[in-house]
Amino acid sequence: MPNQPVKVMRVYRRDLSGLLNDMTDQTQPFYLVEEETLWHPNCDVYETDQELVIKLDLAGISKDDINITFVPGAIAIRGSRMDNAGQDQKRFYHKIEITQGWFEKIIHLPETVSDKVKSSVYKDGMLDIRISKEKARTVEITIE
């Protein structure tokens, strides 16, 4: 019996950990499944010496359902992921973790990038956008 408190604490820790994971998941509650909700895909943004690289996780989305808009100072990626398979069948979900509906990701760009998008490639559910960097310019300012 001396190990009983340790077992009880392990159960409490496991239950609390599960509760916290459920609370912090980016899943939709069952009552929001049918509503139009805007979600934001995960992304990585990093720089190399020559370019700024943006990678977005867009698994299960058709290339035709992705729109990229480049404006000075920002890039916007918008689109939708819709699960239309089996709409004629009644479904009973046990768990819903794959976000559906319209998405948007707006990424503010540093001043070092140019307005030249070198490439945008969508492969294996990952969108890879590469933007050229400008060389820093030194400007002499005269005092009047």
N, C-alpha and C. Protein backbone atom coordinates (compact mmCIF):
# COMPACT_ATOMS: atom_id res chain seq x y z
N MET A 1 0.78 -1.22 0.00
CA MET A 1 0.00 0.00 0.00
C MET A 1 0.82 1.29 0.00
N PRO A 2 2.14 1.24 0.30
CA PRO A 2 2.87 2.49 0.33
C PRO A 2 2.95 3.18 -1.04
N ASN A 3 2.79 2.44 -2.13
CA ASN A 3 2.85 3.03 -3.46
C ASN A 3 1.51 3.62 -3.91
N GLN A 4 0.47 3.42 -3.16
CA GLN A 4 -0.86 3.90 -3.55
C GLN A 4 -0.90 5.41 -3.81
N PRO A 5 -0.35 6.26 -2.94
CA PRO A 5 -0.39 7.70 -3.22
C PRO A 5 0.34 8.06 -4.52
N VAL A 6 1.42 7.35 -4.82
CA VAL A 6 2.15 7.62 -6.05
C VAL A 6 1.30 7.27 -7.26
N LYS A 7 0.58 6.15 -7.21
CA LYS A 7 -0.30 5.76 -8.32
C LYS A 7 -1.42 6.78 -8.50
N VAL A 8 -1.98 7.22 -7.39
CA VAL A 8 -3.07 8.22 -7.46
C VAL A 8 -2.55 9.51 -8.09
N MET A 9 -1.36 9.94 -7.70
CA MET A 9 -0.79 11.16 -8.27
C MET A 9 -0.51 11.01 -9.76
N ARG A 10 -0.08 9.83 -10.18
CA ARG A 10 0.15 9.59 -11.61
C ARG A 10 -1.15 9.70 -12.40
N VAL A 11 -2.22 9.14 -11.84
CA VAL A 11 -3.52 9.22 -12.51
C VAL A 11 -3.97 10.67 -12.61
N TYR A 12 -3.84 11.43 -11.51
CA TYR A 12 -4.23 12.85 -11.53
C TYR A 12 -3.39 13.63 -12.54
N ARG A 13 -2.08 13.36 -12.57
CA ARG A 13 -1.21 14.07 -13.50
C ARG A 13 -1.59 13.75 -14.95
N ARG A 14 -1.86 12.47 -15.24
CA ARG A 14 -2.25 12.08 -16.59
C ARG A 14 -3.58 12.73 -16.99
N ASP A 15 -4.54 12.72 -16.07
CA ASP A 15 -5.84 13.33 -16.36
C ASP A 15 -5.71 14.83 -16.57
N LEU A 16 -4.93 15.50 -15.72
CA LEU A 16 -4.75 16.94 -15.86
C LEU A 16 -4.01 17.27 -17.15
N SER A 17 -3.01 16.48 -17.48
CA SER A 17 -2.28 16.68 -18.73
C SER A 17 -3.21 16.53 -19.94
N GLY A 18 -4.06 15.52 -19.92
CA GLY A 18 -5.03 15.34 -21.00
C GLY A 18 -6.00 16.49 -21.10
N LEU A 19 -6.46 16.99 -19.95
CA LEU A 19 -7.38 18.13 -19.94
C LEU A 19 -6.71 19.37 -20.52
N LEU A 20 -5.48 19.63 -20.11
CA LEU A 20 -4.77 20.80 -20.64
C LEU A 20 -4.51 20.67 -22.13
N ASN A 21 -4.17 19.48 -22.59
CA ASN A 21 -3.98 19.28 -24.03
C ASN A 21 -5.27 19.52 -24.79
N ASP A 22 -6.39 19.05 -24.27
CA ASP A 22 -7.68 19.27 -24.92
C ASP A 22 -8.03 20.75 -24.97
N MET A 23 -7.70 21.48 -23.90
CA MET A 23 -8.04 22.90 -23.84
C MET A 23 -7.18 23.72 -24.80
N THR A 24 -5.94 23.31 -25.02
CA THR A 24 -5.05 24.10 -25.86
C THR A 24 -5.04 23.64 -27.31
N ASP A 25 -5.70 22.55 -27.63
CA ASP A 25 -5.79 22.11 -29.02
C ASP A 25 -6.52 23.17 -29.83
N GLN A 26 -6.19 23.25 -31.11
CA GLN A 26 -6.87 24.19 -31.99
C GLN A 26 -8.01 23.47 -32.72
N THR A 27 -8.74 22.70 -31.98
CA THR A 27 -9.86 21.98 -32.58
C THR A 27 -11.14 22.77 -32.38
N GLN A 28 -12.11 22.49 -33.20
CA GLN A 28 -13.39 23.16 -33.09
C GLN A 28 -14.33 22.34 -32.23
N PRO A 29 -15.10 23.00 -31.38
CA PRO A 29 -16.13 22.26 -30.65
C PRO A 29 -17.15 21.70 -31.63
N PHE A 30 -17.83 20.64 -31.22
CA PHE A 30 -18.80 20.00 -32.10
C PHE A 30 -19.86 20.99 -32.60
N TYR A 31 -20.27 21.95 -31.77
CA TYR A 31 -21.34 22.85 -32.17
C TYR A 31 -20.90 23.87 -33.21
N LEU A 32 -19.60 23.98 -33.50
CA LEU A 32 -19.13 24.93 -34.51
C LEU A 32 -18.78 24.26 -35.84
N VAL A 33 -18.95 22.96 -35.93
CA VAL A 33 -18.51 22.24 -37.12
C VAL A 33 -19.21 22.74 -38.38
N GLU A 34 -20.47 23.02 -38.32
CA GLU A 34 -21.23 23.43 -39.50
C GLU A 34 -21.09 24.92 -39.80
N GLU A 35 -20.58 25.72 -38.86
CA GLU A 35 -20.47 27.15 -39.08
C GLU A 35 -19.26 27.48 -39.94
N GLU A 36 -19.34 28.61 -40.63
CA GLU A 36 -18.20 29.11 -41.38
C GLU A 36 -17.25 29.77 -40.37
N THR A 37 -16.10 29.22 -40.17
CA THR A 37 -15.11 29.80 -39.27
C THR A 37 -13.82 30.00 -40.04
N LEU A 38 -13.08 31.01 -39.66
CA LEU A 38 -11.80 31.31 -40.30
C LEU A 38 -10.70 30.71 -39.44
N TRP A 39 -9.83 29.93 -40.04
CA TRP A 39 -8.73 29.35 -39.29
C TRP A 39 -7.41 29.81 -39.89
N HIS A 40 -6.34 29.64 -39.13
CA HIS A 40 -5.03 30.14 -39.52
C HIS A 40 -4.03 28.99 -39.55
N PRO A 41 -3.53 28.63 -40.74
CA PRO A 41 -2.59 27.51 -40.83
C PRO A 41 -1.25 27.83 -40.15
N ASN A 42 -0.58 26.78 -39.71
CA ASN A 42 0.74 26.94 -39.11
C ASN A 42 1.75 27.29 -40.20
N CYS A 43 2.74 28.10 -39.82
CA CYS A 43 3.76 28.48 -40.80
C CYS A 43 5.11 28.68 -40.13
N ASP A 44 6.15 28.58 -40.93
CA ASP A 44 7.51 28.94 -40.53
C ASP A 44 7.95 30.06 -41.46
N VAL A 45 8.63 31.06 -40.91
CA VAL A 45 9.19 32.15 -41.70
C VAL A 45 10.64 32.31 -41.28
N TYR A 46 11.55 32.25 -42.25
CA TYR A 46 12.96 32.43 -41.92
C TYR A 46 13.68 33.10 -43.09
N GLU A 47 14.86 33.64 -42.78
CA GLU A 47 15.66 34.33 -43.78
C GLU A 47 16.96 33.58 -44.04
N THR A 48 17.41 33.64 -45.27
CA THR A 48 18.77 33.24 -45.63
C THR A 48 19.47 34.51 -46.09
N ASP A 49 20.68 34.39 -46.58
CA ASP A 49 21.39 35.58 -47.06
C ASP A 49 20.71 36.19 -48.29
N GLN A 50 20.05 35.36 -49.09
CA GLN A 50 19.49 35.82 -50.35
C GLN A 50 17.97 36.00 -50.35
N GLU A 51 17.26 35.34 -49.42
CA GLU A 51 15.80 35.35 -49.54
C GLU A 51 15.10 35.16 -48.20
N LEU A 52 13.82 35.50 -48.21
CA LEU A 52 12.92 35.21 -47.09
C LEU A 52 12.10 34.00 -47.51
N VAL A 53 11.98 33.02 -46.63
CA VAL A 53 11.28 31.78 -46.94
C VAL A 53 10.07 31.67 -46.02
N ILE A 54 8.91 31.39 -46.63
CA ILE A 54 7.66 31.17 -45.89
C ILE A 54 7.17 29.78 -46.23
N LYS A 55 6.92 28.97 -45.22
CA LYS A 55 6.39 27.62 -45.42
C LYS A 55 5.09 27.50 -44.64
N LEU A 56 4.04 27.07 -45.33
CA LEU A 56 2.74 26.88 -44.68
C LEU A 56 2.31 25.43 -44.78
N ASP A 57 1.72 24.93 -43.70
CA ASP A 57 1.18 23.58 -43.65
C ASP A 57 -0.27 23.63 -44.13
N LEU A 58 -0.49 23.19 -45.37
CA LEU A 58 -1.83 23.24 -45.98
C LEU A 58 -2.24 21.86 -46.49
N ALA A 59 -2.07 20.86 -45.66
CA ALA A 59 -2.38 19.48 -46.05
C ALA A 59 -3.85 19.34 -46.42
N GLY A 60 -4.10 18.58 -47.48
CA GLY A 60 -5.46 18.28 -47.88
C GLY A 60 -6.16 19.38 -48.66
N ILE A 61 -5.40 20.38 -49.09
CA ILE A 61 -5.99 21.50 -49.83
C ILE A 61 -5.51 21.44 -51.27
N SER A 62 -6.44 21.65 -52.19
CA SER A 62 -6.09 21.68 -53.60
C SER A 62 -5.34 22.97 -53.92
N LYS A 63 -4.37 22.89 -54.82
CA LYS A 63 -3.62 24.07 -55.24
C LYS A 63 -4.56 25.16 -55.77
N ASP A 64 -5.64 24.75 -56.42
CA ASP A 64 -6.60 25.70 -56.98
C ASP A 64 -7.39 26.44 -55.90
N ASP A 65 -7.37 25.95 -54.67
CA ASP A 65 -8.10 26.58 -53.57
C ASP A 65 -7.22 27.49 -52.73
N ILE A 66 -6.03 27.81 -53.21
CA ILE A 66 -5.09 28.68 -52.49
C ILE A 66 -4.88 29.96 -53.29
N ASN A 67 -4.97 31.11 -52.61
CA ASN A 67 -4.76 32.41 -53.23
C ASN A 67 -3.67 33.14 -52.46
N ILE A 68 -2.67 33.66 -53.18
CA ILE A 68 -1.57 34.40 -52.56
C ILE A 68 -1.61 35.83 -53.09
N THR A 69 -1.65 36.80 -52.17
CA THR A 69 -1.66 38.21 -52.54
C THR A 69 -0.46 38.88 -51.88
N PHE A 70 0.36 39.53 -52.70
CA PHE A 70 1.55 40.23 -52.20
C PHE A 70 1.27 41.72 -52.26
N VAL A 71 1.36 42.37 -51.12
CA VAL A 71 1.22 43.82 -51.04
C VAL A 71 2.46 44.35 -50.33
N PRO A 72 2.82 45.61 -50.53
CA PRO A 72 4.01 46.13 -49.85
C PRO A 72 3.89 45.95 -48.33
N GLY A 73 4.87 45.28 -47.77
CA GLY A 73 4.89 45.09 -46.32
C GLY A 73 4.22 43.83 -45.81
N ALA A 74 3.50 43.11 -46.66
CA ALA A 74 2.80 41.91 -46.19
C ALA A 74 2.47 40.97 -47.34
N ILE A 75 2.23 39.73 -46.98
CA ILE A 75 1.76 38.74 -47.94
C ILE A 75 0.57 38.04 -47.28
N ALA A 76 -0.49 37.85 -48.05
CA ALA A 76 -1.70 37.20 -47.53
C ALA A 76 -1.93 35.90 -48.29
N ILE A 77 -2.13 34.84 -47.54
CA ILE A 77 -2.44 33.54 -48.13
C ILE A 77 -3.84 33.16 -47.65
N ARG A 78 -4.74 32.95 -48.61
CA ARG A 78 -6.14 32.65 -48.27
C ARG A 78 -6.60 31.44 -49.08
N GLY A 79 -7.64 30.81 -48.59
CA GLY A 79 -8.20 29.68 -49.31
C GLY A 79 -9.19 28.92 -48.46
N SER A 80 -9.44 27.68 -48.86
CA SER A 80 -10.41 26.88 -48.11
C SER A 80 -10.05 25.40 -48.17
N ARG A 81 -10.45 24.71 -47.13
CA ARG A 81 -10.35 23.25 -47.09
C ARG A 81 -11.74 22.75 -46.70
N MET A 82 -12.39 22.09 -47.65
CA MET A 82 -13.74 21.59 -47.44
C MET A 82 -13.76 20.08 -47.58
N ASP A 83 -14.41 19.41 -46.66
CA ASP A 83 -14.57 17.95 -46.71
C ASP A 83 -15.94 17.67 -47.29
N ASN A 84 -16.00 17.48 -48.60
CA ASN A 84 -17.28 17.23 -49.27
C ASN A 84 -17.56 15.75 -49.46
N ALA A 85 -16.60 14.91 -49.11
CA ALA A 85 -16.79 13.46 -49.30
C ALA A 85 -17.85 12.94 -48.33
N GLY A 86 -18.75 12.18 -48.85
CA GLY A 86 -19.75 11.54 -48.00
C GLY A 86 -20.80 12.47 -47.43
N GLN A 87 -21.05 13.61 -48.07
CA GLN A 87 -22.04 14.55 -47.55
C GLN A 87 -23.44 13.98 -47.58
N ASP A 88 -23.66 12.98 -48.43
CA ASP A 88 -24.99 12.38 -48.50
C ASP A 88 -25.20 11.34 -47.40
N GLN A 89 -24.17 11.05 -46.63
CA GLN A 89 -24.29 10.08 -45.55
C GLN A 89 -24.31 10.78 -44.20
N LYS A 90 -25.03 10.21 -43.27
CA LYS A 90 -25.05 10.75 -41.92
C LYS A 90 -23.77 10.31 -41.22
N ARG A 91 -23.13 11.23 -40.51
CA ARG A 91 -21.88 10.93 -39.84
C ARG A 91 -22.03 11.12 -38.34
N PHE A 92 -21.35 10.28 -37.60
CA PHE A 92 -21.23 10.45 -36.15
C PHE A 92 -19.74 10.53 -35.83
N TYR A 93 -19.29 11.73 -35.50
CA TYR A 93 -17.87 11.94 -35.24
C TYR A 93 -17.51 11.52 -33.81
N HIS A 94 -16.38 10.88 -33.67
CA HIS A 94 -15.82 10.57 -32.36
C HIS A 94 -14.78 11.60 -31.98
N LYS A 95 -14.14 12.20 -32.97
CA LYS A 95 -13.13 13.22 -32.74
C LYS A 95 -13.00 14.06 -34.00
N ILE A 96 -12.89 15.36 -33.82
CA ILE A 96 -12.70 16.27 -34.96
C ILE A 96 -11.46 17.11 -34.67
N GLU A 97 -10.41 16.90 -35.45
CA GLU A 97 -9.19 17.68 -35.29
C GLU A 97 -8.74 18.34 -36.58
N ILE A 98 -9.25 17.92 -37.72
CA ILE A 98 -8.86 18.50 -39.00
C ILE A 98 -9.77 19.70 -39.26
N THR A 99 -9.16 20.87 -39.27
CA THR A 99 -9.93 22.10 -39.43
C THR A 99 -10.42 22.23 -40.87
N GLN A 100 -11.68 22.56 -41.01
CA GLN A 100 -12.31 22.74 -42.32
C GLN A 100 -12.74 24.20 -42.46
N GLY A 101 -13.00 24.61 -43.67
CA GLY A 101 -13.53 25.94 -43.92
C GLY A 101 -12.48 26.88 -44.49
N TRP A 102 -12.77 28.16 -44.39
CA TRP A 102 -11.90 29.20 -44.96
C TRP A 102 -10.73 29.46 -44.04
N PHE A 103 -9.56 29.70 -44.65
CA PHE A 103 -8.38 30.05 -43.86
C PHE A 103 -7.75 31.32 -44.39
N GLU A 104 -6.95 31.93 -43.52
CA GLU A 104 -6.22 33.14 -43.89
C GLU A 104 -4.96 33.22 -43.04
N LYS A 105 -3.86 33.57 -43.67
CA LYS A 105 -2.61 33.81 -42.95
C LYS A 105 -1.99 35.06 -43.55
N ILE A 106 -1.84 36.10 -42.73
CA ILE A 106 -1.21 37.34 -43.17
C ILE A 106 0.14 37.43 -42.47
N ILE A 107 1.18 37.57 -43.26
CA ILE A 107 2.54 37.60 -42.72
C ILE A 107 3.13 38.96 -43.04
N HIS A 108 3.50 39.69 -42.00
CA HIS A 108 4.14 40.99 -42.19
C HIS A 108 5.61 40.76 -42.53
N LEU A 109 6.06 41.45 -43.55
CA LEU A 109 7.40 41.22 -44.08
C LEU A 109 8.38 42.27 -43.59
N PRO A 110 9.62 41.87 -43.36
CA PRO A 110 10.63 42.86 -42.98
C PRO A 110 10.95 43.78 -44.16
N GLU A 111 11.53 44.92 -43.86
CA GLU A 111 11.84 45.89 -44.91
C GLU A 111 12.93 45.40 -45.86
N THR A 112 13.65 44.37 -45.48
CA THR A 112 14.76 43.88 -46.30
C THR A 112 14.31 43.07 -47.51
N VAL A 113 13.03 42.72 -47.60
CA VAL A 113 12.59 41.93 -48.75
C VAL A 113 12.14 42.84 -49.88
N SER A 114 12.30 42.35 -51.09
CA SER A 114 11.89 43.11 -52.27
C SER A 114 10.44 42.77 -52.60
N ASP A 115 9.99 43.29 -53.72
CA ASP A 115 8.64 42.95 -54.17
C ASP A 115 8.68 41.82 -55.20
N LYS A 116 9.77 41.10 -55.23
CA LYS A 116 9.94 40.01 -56.20
C LYS A 116 9.77 38.66 -55.51
N VAL A 117 8.67 38.00 -55.79
CA VAL A 117 8.48 36.64 -55.30
C VAL A 117 9.24 35.72 -56.25
N LYS A 118 10.26 35.05 -55.76
CA LYS A 118 11.09 34.17 -56.60
C LYS A 118 10.32 32.92 -57.01
N SER A 119 9.61 32.34 -56.05
CA SER A 119 8.87 31.11 -56.37
C SER A 119 7.81 30.85 -55.31
N SER A 120 6.78 30.13 -55.72
CA SER A 120 5.79 29.60 -54.79
C SER A 120 5.45 28.19 -55.29
N VAL A 121 5.75 27.21 -54.46
CA VAL A 121 5.58 25.81 -54.83
C VAL A 121 4.72 25.13 -53.79
N TYR A 122 3.71 24.38 -54.26
CA TYR A 122 2.85 23.60 -53.36
C TYR A 122 3.09 22.13 -53.65
N LYS A 123 3.63 21.43 -52.65
CA LYS A 123 3.95 20.02 -52.84
C LYS A 123 3.78 19.28 -51.51
N ASP A 124 3.12 18.13 -51.57
CA ASP A 124 2.93 17.28 -50.39
C ASP A 124 2.30 18.02 -49.22
N GLY A 125 1.37 18.92 -49.51
CA GLY A 125 0.66 19.63 -48.45
C GLY A 125 1.40 20.82 -47.86
N MET A 126 2.57 21.14 -48.41
CA MET A 126 3.35 22.27 -47.91
C MET A 126 3.47 23.33 -49.01
N LEU A 127 3.15 24.57 -48.65
CA LEU A 127 3.32 25.70 -49.56
C LEU A 127 4.64 26.38 -49.20
N ASP A 128 5.51 26.53 -50.18
CA ASP A 128 6.83 27.12 -49.99
C ASP A 128 6.91 28.37 -50.85
N ILE A 129 7.04 29.53 -50.21
CA ILE A 129 7.12 30.82 -50.90
C ILE A 129 8.50 31.40 -50.62
N ARG A 130 9.17 31.85 -51.68
CA ARG A 130 10.50 32.44 -51.54
C ARG A 130 10.50 33.84 -52.15
N ILE A 131 10.92 34.82 -51.33
CA ILE A 131 10.91 36.22 -51.74
C ILE A 131 12.35 36.74 -51.68
N SER A 132 12.77 37.42 -52.75
CA SER A 132 14.13 37.98 -52.82
C SER A 132 14.31 39.06 -51.76
N LYS A 133 15.55 39.16 -51.29
CA LYS A 133 15.89 40.22 -50.34
C LYS A 133 16.61 41.34 -51.09
N GLU A 134 16.41 42.56 -50.62
CA GLU A 134 17.12 43.70 -51.18
C GLU A 134 18.38 43.94 -50.38
N LYS A 135 19.36 44.51 -51.02
CA LYS A 135 20.56 44.90 -50.30
C LYS A 135 20.26 46.19 -49.54
N ALA A 136 20.78 46.26 -48.34
CA ALA A 136 20.58 47.48 -47.54
C ALA A 136 21.26 48.65 -48.23
N ARG A 137 20.55 49.76 -48.29
CA ARG A 137 21.10 50.95 -48.93
C ARG A 137 21.41 52.00 -47.86
N THR A 138 22.53 52.64 -48.03
CA THR A 138 22.88 53.75 -47.15
C THR A 138 22.54 55.03 -47.90
N VAL A 139 21.78 55.87 -47.26
CA VAL A 139 21.36 57.13 -47.88
C VAL A 139 21.93 58.28 -47.07
N GLU A 140 22.63 59.17 -47.76
CA GLU A 140 23.19 60.36 -47.12
C GLU A 140 22.10 61.41 -47.03
N ILE A 141 21.92 61.97 -45.86
CA ILE A 141 20.88 62.98 -45.65
C ILE A 141 21.57 64.30 -45.35
N THR A 142 21.22 65.33 -46.14
CA THR A 142 21.79 66.65 -45.90
C THR A 142 20.91 67.43 -44.94
N ILE A 143 21.56 68.18 -44.10
CA ILE A 143 20.84 68.99 -43.12
C ILE A 143 20.71 70.39 -43.68
N GLU A 144 19.51 70.92 -43.64
CA GLU A 144 19.26 72.27 -44.16
C GLU A 144 19.33 73.28 -43.06
